[in-house]
């Protein structure tokens, strides 16, 4: 999680720096608003990409854990069946 926090911190810092640069630049108000709207769209896309990457990572971890749990359950069932058969055969 620390890498995602670092990425979020970097993105937030870049956003604040870009916004400050735009607001303090000598330009017409309409141009400044246009620049802010454009940058907001860029930040929105960057945030979506970042969040989708995190979601994909979580899904991958969940799928891997689920598969491992199913495999462990199958192995446990096989061992129990084998032990049951051994006990059954020892009394025969």
Foldseek 3Di string as FASTA:
>chain_A
DVVLVVVVVVLVVVLVVVLVVLVPDPDDPVVSVVVNVVVVVVSVVVVVVSVVVVVVVVVVVVVVVVVVVVVVVVVVVVVVVVVVVVVVVVVD
